[in-house]
């Protein structure tokens, strides 16, 4: 598995990582096997969050990767706090909350440090300088090696890029959601900040089961019928050496700003299909052009602040 440098840091991540949110408490045996097989297949980047399953995800991932903890990059997130009734969560990027939350995450993960600690959101109304101070102190204390943010808001991303030591930005990115191309990918690349792409197969719309889905469904600005037409076009015009989901994953990696793509996996077979993309050829410039001609350049421009 090819590994890429994360920003200007010393961290190196496998180009295909594992988004752990889809691991389920009701199927721990399968989840443990997914994590083990991922590592055996060359995955060295595992991404979780304190929000997932009320902390269970962190605990499970930490326990499952313990045999190879020192050989991987473990990433988690902070900033969302469950309400007392656990029916919703509040946004809290304050220094006080971040410095308390990391203690809880370290305990659940069963580790002394987090390789990549990420702010799980962000708005332009936040006291971003206070948040940055919190992350810098955690880094100085040795509790985190590097930090980044998970956000789709250009103004928020720009502020952190200019005023903090972030090494990465996680954003939703796929053939069906090309918003990052509009103004973020080149900007981040020039700043030597890596992008981590989540949602590369667009909730299954860019997988082999896409044509079995009803045309009445919708994904972002795409109607189901439009996606069916796009999928058929991809199948007709691109080489058959990759599956559709592998093409989708490779597309996210075509821009040099993208250090890693983190598809989720709810089964070992799905995992193997995803990581199999690492063993297929990179997309040619002509293939990228075909994909971009079939898809929309940019979808809805909400959350821009």
Protein backbone atom coordinates (compact mmCIF):
# COMPACT_ATOMS: atom_id res chain seq x y z
CA UNK A 1 0.00 0.00 0.00
CA UNK A 2 1.36 3.39 -0.97
CA UNK A 3 1.79 5.80 1.95
CA UNK A 4 1.71 9.59 1.75
CA UNK A 5 3.08 12.30 3.99
CA UNK A 6 0.36 14.11 5.93
CA UNK A 7 0.91 17.79 5.30
CA UNK A 8 4.40 18.84 6.34
CA UNK A 9 4.38 16.51 9.35
CA UNK A 10 6.29 13.31 9.98
CA UNK A 11 3.08 11.30 9.85
CA UNK A 12 2.68 8.98 6.87
CA UNK A 13 -0.71 7.46 6.08
CA UNK A 14 -1.80 4.71 3.74
CA UNK A 15 -3.50 6.20 0.70
CA UNK A 16 -6.56 4.13 1.55
CA UNK A 17 -7.46 4.27 5.22
CA UNK A 18 -10.45 2.99 7.14
CA UNK A 19 -13.32 5.14 8.30
CA UNK A 20 -14.49 3.28 11.40
CA UNK A 21 -17.92 4.86 11.87
CA UNK A 22 -19.67 1.96 10.10
CA UNK A 23 -18.39 -0.62 12.59
CA UNK A 24 -21.37 -1.84 14.61
CA UNK A 25 -21.71 -2.80 18.29
CA UNK A 26 -24.10 -5.61 17.35
CA UNK A 27 -21.42 -7.31 15.26
CA UNK A 28 -18.15 -6.95 17.14
CA UNK A 29 -16.64 -10.15 15.74
CA UNK A 30 -16.99 -8.88 12.17
CA UNK A 31 -15.71 -5.45 13.19
CA UNK A 32 -12.61 -6.88 14.83
CA UNK A 33 -11.90 -8.95 11.72
CA UNK A 34 -12.33 -5.87 9.50
CA UNK A 35 -9.77 -3.93 11.54
CA UNK A 36 -7.33 -6.85 11.59
CA UNK A 37 -7.63 -7.53 7.86
CA UNK A 38 -7.31 -3.83 7.07
CA UNK A 39 -3.95 -3.73 8.81
CA UNK A 40 -2.85 -6.96 7.09
CA UNK A 41 -3.78 -5.40 3.72
CA UNK A 42 -1.56 -2.38 4.37
CA UNK A 43 -3.98 0.10 5.93
CA UNK A 44 -2.10 2.26 8.42
CA UNK A 45 -4.67 5.04 8.96
CA UNK A 46 -7.71 4.40 11.17
CA UNK A 47 -10.23 7.18 11.75
CA UNK A 48 -12.83 7.34 14.52
CA UNK A 49 -14.54 10.02 16.64
CA UNK A 50 -15.73 10.46 20.21
CA UNK A 51 -19.25 11.06 18.85
CA UNK A 52 -19.64 7.67 17.18
CA UNK A 53 -21.93 5.32 19.12
CA UNK A 54 -21.53 7.40 22.29
CA UNK A 55 -17.84 6.55 22.59
CA UNK A 56 -18.16 2.82 21.87
CA UNK A 57 -16.40 3.23 18.53
CA UNK A 58 -13.28 4.71 20.08
CA UNK A 59 -13.20 2.01 22.73
CA UNK A 60 -13.66 -0.79 20.20
CA UNK A 61 -11.13 0.56 17.70
CA UNK A 62 -8.56 1.14 20.42
CA UNK A 63 -8.96 -2.37 21.80
CA UNK A 64 -8.91 -4.01 18.36
CA UNK A 65 -5.79 -2.28 17.04
CA UNK A 66 -3.81 -2.66 20.26
CA UNK A 67 -1.56 -5.44 18.83
CA UNK A 68 -0.30 -3.03 16.15
CA UNK A 69 -1.03 0.37 17.76
CA UNK A 70 2.53 1.68 17.36
CA UNK A 71 2.57 0.89 13.64
CA UNK A 72 -0.48 2.90 12.60
CA UNK A 73 -1.81 6.44 12.58
CA UNK A 74 -4.80 6.63 14.91
CA UNK A 75 -7.10 9.59 14.36
CA UNK A 76 -10.12 10.77 16.31
CA UNK A 77 -12.22 13.92 16.60
CA UNK A 78 -13.59 16.34 19.17
CA UNK A 79 -16.05 19.22 19.42
CA UNK A 80 -19.49 17.58 19.56
CA UNK A 81 -20.90 16.81 22.99
CA UNK A 82 -23.88 14.54 23.49
CA UNK A 83 -26.79 16.03 25.44
CA UNK A 84 -27.83 14.35 28.69
CA UNK A 85 -30.68 12.46 26.99
CA UNK A 86 -28.33 11.40 24.15
CA UNK A 87 -30.91 12.41 21.55
CA UNK A 88 -28.75 15.16 20.05
CA UNK A 89 -25.45 16.91 20.57
CA UNK A 90 -24.15 20.41 21.19
CA UNK A 91 -21.21 22.08 19.48
CA UNK A 92 -18.43 23.02 21.91
CA UNK A 93 -15.00 23.98 20.51
CA UNK A 94 -13.89 25.64 23.75
CA UNK A 95 -10.47 25.06 25.20
CA UNK A 96 -11.97 23.77 28.45
CA UNK A 97 -14.06 21.14 26.69
CA UNK A 98 -11.33 20.01 24.28
CA UNK A 99 -8.81 19.51 27.08
CA UNK A 100 -11.32 17.46 29.06
CA UNK A 101 -12.59 15.50 26.06
CA UNK A 102 -9.13 14.30 25.06
CA UNK A 103 -8.71 12.65 28.46
CA UNK A 104 -11.89 10.68 27.85
CA UNK A 105 -10.81 9.74 24.32
CA UNK A 106 -7.37 8.59 25.47
CA UNK A 107 -9.01 6.42 28.12
CA UNK A 108 -11.45 4.86 25.66
CA UNK A 109 -8.77 4.32 23.03
CA UNK A 110 -6.41 2.80 25.60
CA UNK A 111 -3.46 4.87 24.41
CA UNK A 112 -1.17 7.59 25.74
CA UNK A 113 -1.30 9.75 22.64
CA UNK A 114 -3.38 10.42 19.53
CA UNK A 115 -1.56 10.67 16.23
CA UNK A 116 -4.08 13.00 14.58
CA UNK A 117 -6.65 14.92 16.67
CA UNK A 118 -9.28 16.66 14.58
CA UNK A 119 -11.82 19.36 15.29
CA UNK A 120 -15.12 17.76 14.29
CA UNK A 121 -16.72 20.75 12.56
CA UNK A 122 -16.42 24.50 13.03
CA UNK A 123 -18.22 27.76 12.27
CA UNK A 124 -16.96 31.26 11.56
CA UNK A 125 -18.62 32.37 14.82
CA UNK A 126 -16.33 30.14 16.94
CA UNK A 127 -13.51 31.59 18.99
CA UNK A 128 -11.02 29.88 16.69
CA UNK A 129 -7.96 31.37 18.39
CA UNK A 130 -9.01 29.71 21.65
CA UNK A 131 -9.52 26.39 19.86
CA UNK A 132 -6.12 26.66 18.18
CA UNK A 133 -4.50 27.41 21.55
CA UNK A 134 -6.05 24.26 22.99
CA UNK A 135 -4.69 22.07 20.19
CA UNK A 136 -1.24 23.67 20.38
CA UNK A 137 -1.08 22.99 24.11
CA UNK A 138 -2.11 19.37 23.60
CA UNK A 139 0.66 19.02 21.05
CA UNK A 140 3.20 20.59 23.42
CA UNK A 141 2.06 18.24 26.18
CA UNK A 142 2.68 15.24 23.93
CA UNK A 143 -0.94 14.10 23.99
CA UNK A 144 -1.32 14.59 20.24
CA UNK A 145 1.31 14.34 17.53
CA UNK A 146 -0.54 16.51 15.01
CA UNK A 147 -3.95 18.09 14.60
CA UNK A 148 -6.37 18.95 11.84
CA UNK A 149 -10.01 19.82 11.21
CA UNK A 150 -12.99 18.12 9.62
CA UNK A 151 -14.95 20.81 7.81
CA UNK A 152 -16.53 21.78 4.49
CA UNK A 153 -16.67 25.51 5.22
CA UNK A 154 -14.10 27.43 3.14
CA UNK A 155 -13.91 30.41 5.48
CA UNK A 156 -13.29 28.20 8.49
CA UNK A 157 -10.70 26.14 6.65
CA UNK A 158 -8.94 29.27 5.43
CA UNK A 159 -8.68 30.69 8.95
CA UNK A 160 -7.12 27.53 10.34
CA UNK A 161 -4.80 27.27 7.34
CA UNK A 162 -3.53 30.79 7.98
CA UNK A 163 -3.43 30.83 11.79
CA UNK A 164 -2.78 27.31 13.05
CA UNK A 165 -0.52 24.31 12.60
CA UNK A 166 -3.13 22.01 11.06
CA UNK A 167 -1.66 19.30 8.83
CA UNK A 168 -4.93 18.05 7.39
CA UNK A 169 -8.50 18.89 6.48
CA UNK A 170 -11.11 16.16 6.22
CA UNK A 171 -13.84 16.84 3.68
CA UNK A 172 -16.57 14.93 1.93
CA UNK A 173 -15.37 14.34 -1.62
CA UNK A 174 -16.49 12.07 -4.43
CA UNK A 175 -17.41 12.01 -8.09
CA UNK A 176 -20.89 13.07 -6.96
CA UNK A 177 -19.63 15.78 -4.59
CA UNK A 178 -16.86 17.78 -6.20
CA UNK A 179 -17.17 20.87 -3.99
CA UNK A 180 -13.56 20.64 -2.74
CA UNK A 181 -12.29 21.12 -6.29
CA UNK A 182 -13.90 24.54 -6.55
CA UNK A 183 -11.61 26.38 -4.17
CA UNK A 184 -10.05 24.10 -1.58
CA UNK A 185 -7.80 21.44 -3.14
CA UNK A 186 -5.34 23.77 -4.84
CA UNK A 187 -5.39 26.12 -1.84
CA UNK A 188 -4.55 23.29 0.59
CA UNK A 189 -1.88 21.88 -1.68
CA UNK A 190 -0.18 25.27 -1.88
CA UNK A 191 -0.31 25.53 1.92
CA UNK A 192 1.24 22.03 2.28
CA UNK A 193 -1.89 20.87 4.11
CA UNK A 194 -3.26 17.47 3.17
CA UNK A 195 -6.86 16.63 2.49
CA UNK A 196 -8.44 13.45 3.83
CA UNK A 197 -11.39 12.43 1.67
CA UNK A 198 -14.43 10.89 3.30
CA UNK A 199 -17.50 9.51 1.54
CA UNK A 200 -15.72 8.48 -1.68
CA UNK A 201 -18.43 6.03 -2.74
CA UNK A 202 -21.26 8.47 -1.88
CA UNK A 203 -23.23 6.22 0.48
CA UNK A 204 -23.09 3.38 -2.02
CA UNK A 205 -24.22 5.37 -5.06
CA UNK A 206 -20.78 4.82 -6.58
CA UNK A 207 -20.67 1.11 -5.86
CA UNK A 208 -21.74 -1.96 -7.77
CA UNK A 209 -25.21 -1.85 -6.18
CA UNK A 210 -25.98 1.62 -7.52
CA UNK A 211 -28.08 0.46 -10.49
CA UNK A 212 -30.26 -1.61 -8.15
CA UNK A 213 -31.41 1.50 -6.33
CA UNK A 214 -34.65 3.26 -7.15
CA UNK A 215 -34.50 6.25 -9.47
CA UNK A 216 -36.86 8.01 -7.07
CA UNK A 217 -34.04 8.38 -4.54
CA UNK A 218 -31.74 11.40 -4.45
CA UNK A 219 -28.16 12.20 -3.43
CA UNK A 220 -27.31 15.87 -2.96
CA UNK A 221 -28.43 17.58 -6.20
CA UNK A 222 -28.49 14.35 -8.17
CA UNK A 223 -31.74 12.54 -8.90
CA UNK A 224 -31.50 8.76 -8.90
CA UNK A 225 -32.06 8.69 -12.66
CA UNK A 226 -29.11 11.07 -13.20
CA UNK A 227 -26.85 8.87 -11.10
CA UNK A 228 -27.89 5.77 -13.05
CA UNK A 229 -26.98 7.54 -16.28
CA UNK A 230 -23.64 8.67 -14.83
CA UNK A 231 -22.82 5.17 -13.61
CA UNK A 232 -23.64 3.65 -16.99
CA UNK A 233 -21.44 6.27 -18.64
CA UNK A 234 -18.54 5.42 -16.34
CA UNK A 235 -18.96 1.72 -17.04
CA UNK A 236 -19.08 2.30 -20.80
CA UNK A 237 -16.19 4.75 -21.13
CA UNK A 238 -13.65 3.64 -18.52
CA UNK A 239 -11.38 0.60 -18.36
CA UNK A 240 -12.89 -2.51 -16.81
CA UNK A 241 -9.80 -3.25 -14.70
CA UNK A 242 -11.40 -1.49 -11.74
CA UNK A 243 -14.77 -1.92 -10.11
CA UNK A 244 -16.98 1.16 -9.92
CA UNK A 245 -16.18 1.72 -6.25
CA UNK A 246 -12.46 1.35 -6.96
CA UNK A 247 -12.74 3.95 -9.72
CA UNK A 248 -14.51 6.25 -7.26
CA UNK A 249 -11.75 5.79 -4.69
CA UNK A 250 -9.01 6.33 -7.26
CA UNK A 251 -10.74 9.51 -8.45
CA UNK A 252 -10.43 11.05 -5.00
CA UNK A 253 -6.70 10.31 -5.04
CA UNK A 254 -6.02 11.95 -8.39
CA UNK A 255 -5.36 15.40 -6.86
CA UNK A 256 -1.97 15.75 -5.11
CA UNK A 257 -3.55 17.48 -2.10
CA UNK A 258 -5.34 14.25 -1.12
CA UNK A 259 -3.17 12.13 1.17
CA UNK A 260 -5.77 9.51 2.05
CA UNK A 261 -9.26 8.33 1.24
CA UNK A 262 -11.22 6.73 4.10
CA UNK A 263 -14.11 4.58 2.89
CA UNK A 264 -16.00 2.71 5.57
CA UNK A 265 -16.61 -1.03 5.55
CA UNK A 266 -19.35 -3.07 7.16
CA UNK A 267 -17.97 -6.43 5.98
CA UNK A 268 -14.59 -7.96 5.19
CA UNK A 269 -15.58 -8.34 1.54
CA UNK A 270 -16.37 -4.64 1.30
CA UNK A 271 -13.06 -3.81 2.94
CA UNK A 272 -11.13 -5.98 0.50
CA UNK A 273 -12.88 -4.37 -2.44
CA UNK A 274 -12.00 -0.91 -1.15
CA UNK A 275 -8.35 -1.60 -0.40
CA UNK A 276 -8.12 -3.41 -3.72
CA UNK A 277 -8.23 0.03 -5.34
CA UNK A 278 -4.66 0.52 -4.12
CA UNK A 279 -3.57 -2.24 -6.48
CA UNK A 280 -5.26 -0.78 -9.56
CA UNK A 281 -3.60 1.76 -11.86
CA UNK A 282 -3.89 5.44 -11.04
CA UNK A 283 -6.40 7.26 -13.21
CA UNK A 284 -4.96 8.77 -16.36
CA UNK A 285 -5.58 12.39 -17.25
CA UNK A 286 -7.98 11.21 -19.94
CA UNK A 287 -9.94 9.11 -17.43
CA UNK A 288 -10.17 12.03 -15.02
CA UNK A 289 -11.46 14.19 -17.88
CA UNK A 290 -14.12 11.61 -18.76
CA UNK A 291 -15.31 11.43 -15.15
CA UNK A 292 -15.47 15.20 -14.86
CA UNK A 293 -17.37 15.49 -18.13
CA UNK A 294 -20.02 13.10 -16.84
CA UNK A 295 -20.42 14.60 -13.37
CA UNK A 296 -21.38 18.03 -12.09
CA UNK A 297 -18.48 20.34 -11.36
CA UNK A 298 -19.92 21.52 -8.07
CA UNK A 299 -23.04 20.72 -6.12
CA UNK A 300 -25.00 22.83 -3.69
CA UNK A 301 -23.02 25.67 -2.13
CA UNK A 302 -24.39 25.61 1.38
CA UNK A 303 -22.36 25.79 4.60
CA UNK A 304 -19.90 28.16 2.95
CA UNK A 305 -19.33 30.17 6.11
